[in-house]
Amino acid sequence: MALCRDTSWLSDAGLLLRSSARLFLPARFVTAARYTPRLEDALEKAMLKGIAGFAKLAGSTGLVVDVSGSMNYKLSKKGETTRVDAAAGLAILLREKADEFTIATFSDTCIELPPRRGFALRDAIVGSQAHSGTYLKRALRQLHDKAAWRELDRLIVITDEQSHDGILQAWTPRAYAVNVAPYKHGISYGNGWTHVDGWSERIVDYIAAVEAQAAA
């Protein structure tokens, strides 16, 4: 079974490298690199080339990534992409397309990370701390105490919403809580947050469209 899976991902990685990378967003590359590490350099180059074709996201963006234990679960029963793969893919995309980008992870604690590029940012996210509890509200309080985070134009949290302590009232002009767990889908609003339930690789396109419409 392991050999079959490895062969499958070699084929998938080959497809990513041969196709227009604009067709695939970073989470797919993150998963492919996890299964075919010897192709990582080529996959990263193709991924970043594809990202270059996306529109910029104006202003300053802060991303808060859940790295609790449940984020290691798969996005769906049919695929191999994990919730943390999706989170890392979103981080890689925002790092390239946001005018200004700040990032932190949370589990039992909150850790600010350097805004690295590509798979180096994935490695920083995954290795930032033990993948344990889900203390989102505590992490947001800690970040709110920092001037750089208080002054952001938008705040994005990516999580599976299995928080032990809930969520803090949003303080930025725009705030999005993206729930990557598969059990719920839709858009809702509360405490200053736009809650996006259900993972979509087009989440950044959605954010850009919503904000453009609000500004029109």
C-alpha atoms as a PDB file:
ATOM      1  CA  MET A   1       0.000   0.000   0.000  1.00  0.00           C
ATOM      2  CA  ALA A   2       2.816   2.430   0.869  1.00  0.00           C
ATOM      3  CA  LEU A   3       4.514   1.790  -2.480  1.00  0.00           C
ATOM      4  CA  CYS A   4       1.240   2.364  -4.341  1.00  0.00           C
ATOM      5  CA  ARG A   5       0.672   5.627  -2.467  1.00  0.00           C
ATOM      6  CA  ASP A   6       4.221   6.834  -3.163  1.00  0.00           C
ATOM      7  CA  THR A   7       3.815   6.009  -6.855  1.00  0.00           C
ATOM      8  CA  SER A   8       0.508   7.874  -6.911  1.00  0.00           C
ATOM      9  CA  TRP A   9       2.095  10.972  -5.422  1.00  0.00           C
ATOM     10  CA  LEU A  10       5.032  10.800  -7.832  1.00  0.00           C
ATOM     11  CA  SER A  11       2.453  10.899 -10.624  1.00  0.00           C
ATOM     12  CA  ASP A  12       0.593  13.772  -8.942  1.00  0.00           C
ATOM     13  CA  ALA A  13       3.811  15.730  -8.425  1.00  0.00           C
ATOM     14  CA  GLY A  14       4.629  15.221 -12.081  1.00  0.00           C
ATOM     15  CA  LEU A  15       1.226  16.632 -13.022  1.00  0.00           C
ATOM     16  CA  LEU A  16       1.841  19.704 -10.863  1.00  0.00           C
ATOM     17  CA  LEU A  17       5.206  20.294 -12.515  1.00  0.00           C
ATOM     18  CA  ARG A  18       3.934  19.784 -16.072  1.00  0.00           C
ATOM     19  CA  SER A  19       0.729  21.793 -15.768  1.00  0.00           C
ATOM     20  CA  SER A  20       0.294  25.520 -15.501  1.00  0.00           C
ATOM     21  CA  ALA A  21       0.961  26.073 -11.796  1.00  0.00           C
ATOM     22  CA  ARG A  22      -1.718  28.798 -11.832  1.00  0.00           C
ATOM     23  CA  LEU A  23      -4.255  25.951 -11.909  1.00  0.00           C
ATOM     24  CA  PHE A  24      -3.184  24.694  -8.476  1.00  0.00           C
ATOM     25  CA  LEU A  25      -2.888  26.551  -5.197  1.00  0.00           C
ATOM     26  CA  PRO A  26      -0.137  25.960  -2.611  1.00  0.00           C
ATOM     27  CA  ALA A  27      -1.874  23.374  -0.395  1.00  0.00           C
ATOM     28  CA  ARG A  28      -1.669  20.847  -3.236  1.00  0.00           C
ATOM     29  CA  PHE A  29       2.070  21.474  -3.568  1.00  0.00           C
ATOM     30  CA  VAL A  30       2.587  21.237   0.205  1.00  0.00           C
ATOM     31  CA  THR A  31       0.999  17.781   0.247  1.00  0.00           C
ATOM     32  CA  ALA A  32       2.875  16.631  -2.850  1.00  0.00           C
ATOM     33  CA  ALA A  33       6.192  17.727  -1.319  1.00  0.00           C
ATOM     34  CA  ARG A  34       5.408  15.812   1.857  1.00  0.00           C
ATOM     35  CA  TYR A  35       5.111  12.584  -0.146  1.00  0.00           C
ATOM     36  CA  THR A  36       7.851  13.316  -2.718  1.00  0.00           C
ATOM     37  CA  PRO A  37      10.542  15.256  -0.811  1.00  0.00           C
ATOM     38  CA  ARG A  38      13.164  14.697  -3.517  1.00  0.00           C
ATOM     39  CA  LEU A  39      11.051  16.854  -5.837  1.00  0.00           C
ATOM     40  CA  GLU A  40      10.611  19.619  -3.272  1.00  0.00           C
ATOM     41  CA  ASP A  41      12.859  22.198  -4.960  1.00  0.00           C
ATOM     42  CA  ALA A  42      11.126  21.810  -8.315  1.00  0.00           C
ATOM     43  CA  LEU A  43       7.683  21.854  -6.686  1.00  0.00           C
ATOM     44  CA  GLU A  44       8.503  25.018  -4.767  1.00  0.00           C
ATOM     45  CA  LYS A  45       9.680  26.835  -7.901  1.00  0.00           C
ATOM     46  CA  ALA A  46       6.523  25.833  -9.780  1.00  0.00           C
ATOM     47  CA  MET A  47       4.335  26.828  -6.832  1.00  0.00           C
ATOM     48  CA  LEU A  48       5.859  30.298  -6.453  1.00  0.00           C
ATOM     49  CA  LYS A  49       5.690  30.862 -10.209  1.00  0.00           C
ATOM     50  CA  GLY A  50       1.977  30.080 -10.146  1.00  0.00           C
ATOM     51  CA  ILE A  51       1.337  32.354  -7.165  1.00  0.00           C
ATOM     52  CA  ALA A  52       2.892  35.270  -9.053  1.00  0.00           C
ATOM     53  CA  GLY A  53      -0.165  35.372 -11.302  1.00  0.00           C
ATOM     54  CA  PHE A  54      -2.560  36.195  -8.463  1.00  0.00           C
ATOM     55  CA  ALA A  55      -3.667  39.723  -7.619  1.00  0.00           C
ATOM     56  CA  LYS A  56      -2.194  41.480  -4.598  1.00  0.00           C
ATOM     57  CA  LEU A  57      -4.101  41.797  -1.338  1.00  0.00           C
ATOM     58  CA  ALA A  58      -3.826  45.432  -0.303  1.00  0.00           C
ATOM     59  CA  GLY A  59      -2.860  46.556   3.174  1.00  0.00           C
ATOM     60  CA  SER A  60      -1.503  44.656   6.156  1.00  0.00           C
ATOM     61  CA  THR A  61      -2.562  41.088   6.916  1.00  0.00           C
ATOM     62  CA  GLY A  62      -2.033  39.037  10.048  1.00  0.00           C
ATOM     63  CA  LEU A  63      -2.481  35.260   9.843  1.00  0.00           C
ATOM     64  CA  VAL A  64      -2.982  33.150  12.968  1.00  0.00           C
ATOM     65  CA  VAL A  65      -2.555  29.415  12.321  1.00  0.00           C
ATOM     66  CA  ASP A  66      -3.952  26.624  14.497  1.00  0.00           C
ATOM     67  CA  VAL A  67      -1.319  23.892  14.934  1.00  0.00           C
ATOM     68  CA  SER A  68      -3.192  21.836  17.535  1.00  0.00           C
ATOM     69  CA  GLY A  69      -3.200  18.054  17.297  1.00  0.00           C
ATOM     70  CA  SER A  70      -6.486  17.864  15.383  1.00  0.00           C
ATOM     71  CA  MET A  71      -5.005  19.989  12.575  1.00  0.00           C
ATOM     72  CA  ASN A  72      -3.026  16.900  11.550  1.00  0.00           C
ATOM     73  CA  TYR A  73      -6.290  15.240  10.459  1.00  0.00           C
ATOM     74  CA  LYS A  74      -7.104  15.025   6.755  1.00  0.00           C
ATOM     75  CA  LEU A  75      -9.348  17.596   5.116  1.00  0.00           C
ATOM     76  CA  SER A  76     -11.501  14.781   3.752  1.00  0.00           C
ATOM     77  CA  LYS A  77     -11.649  10.999   3.735  1.00  0.00           C
ATOM     78  CA  LYS A  78     -10.813  10.877   0.027  1.00  0.00           C
ATOM     79  CA  GLY A  79      -7.624  12.963  -0.004  1.00  0.00           C
ATOM     80  CA  GLU A  80      -4.220  13.117   1.680  1.00  0.00           C
ATOM     81  CA  THR A  81      -4.117  16.866   2.284  1.00  0.00           C
ATOM     82  CA  THR A  82      -4.245  17.625   6.004  1.00  0.00           C
ATOM     83  CA  ARG A  83      -5.727  20.631   7.722  1.00  0.00           C
ATOM     84  CA  VAL A  84      -2.250  21.907   8.516  1.00  0.00           C
ATOM     85  CA  ASP A  85      -1.252  21.422   4.846  1.00  0.00           C
ATOM     86  CA  ALA A  86      -4.135  23.716   3.934  1.00  0.00           C
ATOM     87  CA  ALA A  87      -3.076  26.234   6.591  1.00  0.00           C
ATOM     88  CA  ALA A  88       0.526  26.201   5.371  1.00  0.00           C
ATOM     89  CA  GLY A  89      -0.663  26.645   1.788  1.00  0.00           C
ATOM     90  CA  LEU A  90      -2.722  29.683   2.763  1.00  0.00           C
ATOM     91  CA  ALA A  91       0.257  31.136   4.647  1.00  0.00           C
ATOM     92  CA  ILE A  92       2.547  30.660   1.633  1.00  0.00           C
ATOM     93  CA  LEU A  93       0.015  32.366  -0.638  1.00  0.00           C
ATOM     94  CA  LEU A  94      -0.570  35.310   1.713  1.00  0.00           C
ATOM     95  CA  ARG A  95       3.179  35.766   2.223  1.00  0.00           C
ATOM     96  CA  GLU A  96       3.519  36.385  -1.511  1.00  0.00           C
ATOM     97  CA  LYS A  97       0.340  38.375  -2.184  1.00  0.00           C
ATOM     98  CA  ALA A  98      -0.291  40.522   0.909  1.00  0.00           C
ATOM     99  CA  ASP A  99       1.334  43.963   0.828  1.00  0.00           C
ATOM    100  CA  GLU A 100       2.416  43.404   4.444  1.00  0.00           C
ATOM    101  CA  PHE A 101       2.329  40.022   6.164  1.00  0.00           C
ATOM    102  CA  THR A 102       2.613  38.941   9.802  1.00  0.00           C
ATOM    103  CA  ILE A 103       2.126  35.383  11.075  1.00  0.00           C
ATOM    104  CA  ALA A 104       1.768  33.488  14.344  1.00  0.00           C
ATOM    105  CA  THR A 105       0.779  29.960  15.329  1.00  0.00           C
ATOM    106  CA  PHE A 106      -1.189  28.833  18.346  1.00  0.00           C
ATOM    107  CA  SER A 107      -1.791  25.639  20.266  1.00  0.00           C
ATOM    108  CA  ASP A 108      -1.049  25.655  24.005  1.00  0.00           C
ATOM    109  CA  THR A 109       0.837  28.912  23.458  1.00  0.00           C
ATOM    110  CA  CYS A 110       1.179  31.612  20.801  1.00  0.00           C
ATOM    111  CA  ILE A 111       4.362  31.875  18.738  1.00  0.00           C
ATOM    112  CA  GLU A 112       5.173  34.642  16.256  1.00  0.00           C
ATOM    113  CA  LEU A 113       7.118  33.459  13.204  1.00  0.00           C
ATOM    114  CA  PRO A 114       9.462  35.111  10.705  1.00  0.00           C
ATOM    115  CA  PRO A 115       7.692  35.680   7.351  1.00  0.00           C
ATOM    116  CA  ARG A 116       9.698  33.115   5.392  1.00  0.00           C
ATOM    117  CA  ARG A 117       8.873  32.151   1.806  1.00  0.00           C
ATOM    118  CA  GLY A 118       7.722  28.901   0.273  1.00  0.00           C
ATOM    119  CA  PHE A 119       8.276  25.595   2.024  1.00  0.00           C
ATOM    120  CA  ALA A 120      10.502  27.298   4.610  1.00  0.00           C
ATOM    121  CA  LEU A 121       7.349  28.947   5.941  1.00  0.00           C
ATOM    122  CA  ARG A 122       5.596  25.562   6.015  1.00  0.00           C
ATOM    123  CA  ASP A 123       8.497  24.158   8.045  1.00  0.00           C
ATOM    124  CA  ALA A 124       8.374  27.117  10.445  1.00  0.00           C
ATOM    125  CA  ILE A 125       4.637  26.596  10.999  1.00  0.00           C
ATOM    126  CA  VAL A 126       4.828  22.840  11.547  1.00  0.00           C
ATOM    127  CA  GLY A 127       7.896  23.065  13.792  1.00  0.00           C
ATOM    128  CA  SER A 128       6.860  26.149  15.756  1.00  0.00           C
ATOM    129  CA  GLN A 129       5.554  24.276  18.818  1.00  0.00           C
ATOM    130  CA  ALA A 130       4.057  21.026  20.053  1.00  0.00           C
ATOM    131  CA  HIS A 131       0.761  20.165  18.348  1.00  0.00           C
ATOM    132  CA  SER A 132      -1.407  19.953  21.438  1.00  0.00           C
ATOM    133  CA  GLY A 133      -4.352  22.036  22.733  1.00  0.00           C
ATOM    134  CA  THR A 134      -6.404  24.773  21.026  1.00  0.00           C
ATOM    135  CA  TYR A 135      -6.270  28.007  23.018  1.00  0.00           C
ATOM    136  CA  LEU A 136      -7.373  30.540  20.411  1.00  0.00           C
ATOM    137  CA  LYS A 137      -8.797  33.258  22.655  1.00  0.00           C
ATOM    138  CA  ARG A 138      -5.642  33.307  24.778  1.00  0.00           C
ATOM    139  CA  ALA A 139      -3.489  33.588  21.659  1.00  0.00           C
ATOM    140  CA  LEU A 140      -5.557  36.470  20.282  1.00  0.00           C
ATOM    141  CA  ARG A 141      -5.327  38.316  23.608  1.00  0.00           C
ATOM    142  CA  GLN A 142      -1.552  37.941  23.496  1.00  0.00           C
ATOM    143  CA  LEU A 143      -1.391  39.283  19.941  1.00  0.00           C
ATOM    144  CA  HIS A 144      -3.772  42.155  20.704  1.00  0.00           C
ATOM    145  CA  ASP A 145      -1.294  43.383  23.300  1.00  0.00           C
ATOM    146  CA  LYS A 146       1.230  44.021  20.500  1.00  0.00           C
ATOM    147  CA  ALA A 147       0.982  47.303  18.588  1.00  0.00           C
ATOM    148  CA  ALA A 148       1.886  45.730  15.243  1.00  0.00           C
ATOM    149  CA  TRP A 149      -1.050  43.324  15.499  1.00  0.00           C
ATOM    150  CA  ARG A 150      -3.512  45.953  16.786  1.00  0.00           C
ATOM    151  CA  GLU A 151      -2.859  48.132  13.732  1.00  0.00           C
ATOM    152  CA  LEU A 152      -3.488  45.479  11.052  1.00  0.00           C
ATOM    153  CA  ASP A 153      -5.959  46.072   8.224  1.00  0.00           C
ATOM    154  CA  ARG A 154      -7.190  42.487   8.387  1.00  0.00           C
ATOM    155  CA  LEU A 155      -6.828  39.453  10.605  1.00  0.00           C
ATOM    156  CA  ILE A 156      -7.266  35.873   9.385  1.00  0.00           C
ATOM    157  CA  VAL A 157      -7.466  32.837  11.652  1.00  0.00           C
ATOM    158  CA  ILE A 158      -7.302  29.365  10.128  1.00  0.00           C
ATOM    159  CA  THR A 159      -8.462  26.658  12.525  1.00  0.00           C
ATOM    160  CA  ASP A 160     -10.692  23.613  12.879  1.00  0.00           C
ATOM    161  CA  GLU A 161     -12.572  25.535  15.603  1.00  0.00           C
ATOM    162  CA  GLN A 162     -12.094  22.968  18.362  1.00  0.00           C
ATOM    163  CA  SER A 163     -11.073  25.787  20.681  1.00  0.00           C
ATOM    164  CA  HIS A 164     -10.938  25.241  24.440  1.00  0.00           C
ATOM    165  CA  ASP A 165     -11.593  28.915  25.200  1.00  0.00           C
ATOM    166  CA  GLY A 166     -13.612  30.387  22.321  1.00  0.00           C
ATOM    167  CA  ILE A 167     -12.635  33.439  20.277  1.00  0.00           C
ATOM    168  CA  LEU A 168     -11.912  37.074  21.140  1.00  0.00           C
ATOM    169  CA  GLN A 169     -13.900  40.010  19.752  1.00  0.00           C
ATOM    170  CA  ALA A 170     -12.219  41.062  16.493  1.00  0.00           C
ATOM    171  CA  TRP A 171     -10.346  44.358  16.639  1.00  0.00           C
ATOM    172  CA  THR A 172      -9.277  44.862  13.017  1.00  0.00           C
ATOM    173  CA  PRO A 173     -11.435  46.541  10.327  1.00  0.00           C
ATOM    174  CA  ARG A 174     -11.790  43.148   8.642  1.00  0.00           C
ATOM    175  CA  ALA A 175     -11.487  39.766  10.349  1.00  0.00           C
ATOM    176  CA  TYR A 176     -11.993  36.240   9.017  1.00  0.00           C
ATOM    177  CA  ALA A 177     -12.129  32.926  10.864  1.00  0.00           C
ATOM    178  CA  VAL A 178     -11.622  30.100   8.376  1.00  0.00           C
ATOM    179  CA  ASN A 179     -12.792  26.717   9.670  1.00  0.00           C
ATOM    180  CA  VAL A 180     -11.089  23.854   7.801  1.00  0.00           C
ATOM    181  CA  ALA A 181     -13.032  21.076   9.555  1.00  0.00           C
ATOM    182  CA  PRO A 182     -15.267  19.171   7.103  1.00  0.00           C
ATOM    183  CA  TYR A 183     -18.406  18.959   9.225  1.00  0.00           C
ATOM    184  CA  LYS A 184     -19.803  22.432   8.507  1.00  0.00           C
ATOM    185  CA  HIS A 185     -20.097  24.706   5.454  1.00  0.00           C
ATOM    186  CA  GLY A 186     -21.306  28.273   4.969  1.00  0.00           C
ATOM    187  CA  ILE A 187     -20.753  31.915   5.939  1.00  0.00           C
ATOM    188  CA  SER A 188     -21.807  33.461   9.241  1.00  0.00           C
ATOM    189  CA  TYR A 189     -21.007  36.582  11.260  1.00  0.00           C
ATOM    190  CA  GLY A 190     -20.398  37.337  14.927  1.00  0.00           C
ATOM    191  CA  ASN A 191     -18.146  39.313  17.303  1.00  0.00           C
ATOM    192  CA  GLY A 192     -16.703  41.240  14.379  1.00  0.00           C
ATOM    193  CA  TRP A 193     -15.671  38.082  12.518  1.00  0.00           C
ATOM    194  CA  THR A 194     -16.717  36.704   9.173  1.00  0.00           C
ATOM    195  CA  HIS A 195     -16.815  32.943   9.779  1.00  0.00           C
ATOM    196  CA  VAL A 196     -16.024  30.882   6.691  1.00  0.00           C
ATOM    197  CA  ASP A 197     -16.893  27.263   7.425  1.00  0.00           C
ATOM    198  CA  GLY A 198     -15.436  24.697   5.024  1.00  0.00           C
ATOM    199  CA  TRP A 199     -12.071  24.862   3.288  1.00  0.00           C
ATOM    200  CA  SER A 200     -11.722  26.364  -0.172  1.00  0.00           C
ATOM    201  CA  GLU A 201      -8.427  27.022  -1.913  1.00  0.00           C
ATOM    202  CA  ARG A 202     -10.048  30.206  -3.251  1.00  0.00           C
ATOM    203  CA  ILE A 203     -10.408  31.804   0.179  1.00  0.00           C
ATOM    204  CA  VAL A 204      -8.065  34.677  -0.739  1.00  0.00           C
ATOM    205  CA  ASP A 205     -10.095  35.367  -3.896  1.00  0.00           C
ATOM    206  CA  TYR A 206     -13.208  35.461  -1.699  1.00  0.00           C
ATOM    207  CA  ILE A 207     -11.616  37.921   0.735  1.00  0.00           C
ATOM    208  CA  ALA A 208     -10.444  40.181  -2.099  1.00  0.00           C
ATOM    209  CA  ALA A 209     -13.901  40.129  -3.726  1.00  0.00           C
ATOM    210  CA  VAL A 210     -15.757  40.850  -0.473  1.00  0.00           C
ATOM    211  CA  GLU A 211     -13.489  43.766   0.355  1.00  0.00           C
ATOM    212  CA  ALA A 212     -13.638  45.187  -3.181  1.00  0.00           C
ATOM    213  CA  GLN A 213     -17.425  45.075  -3.063  1.00  0.00           C
ATOM    214  CA  ALA A 214     -17.489  46.793   0.338  1.00  0.00           C
ATOM    215  CA  ALA A 215     -15.196  49.537  -0.949  1.00  0.00           C
ATOM    216  CA  ALA A 216     -17.240  50.148  -4.136  1.00  0.00           C
END
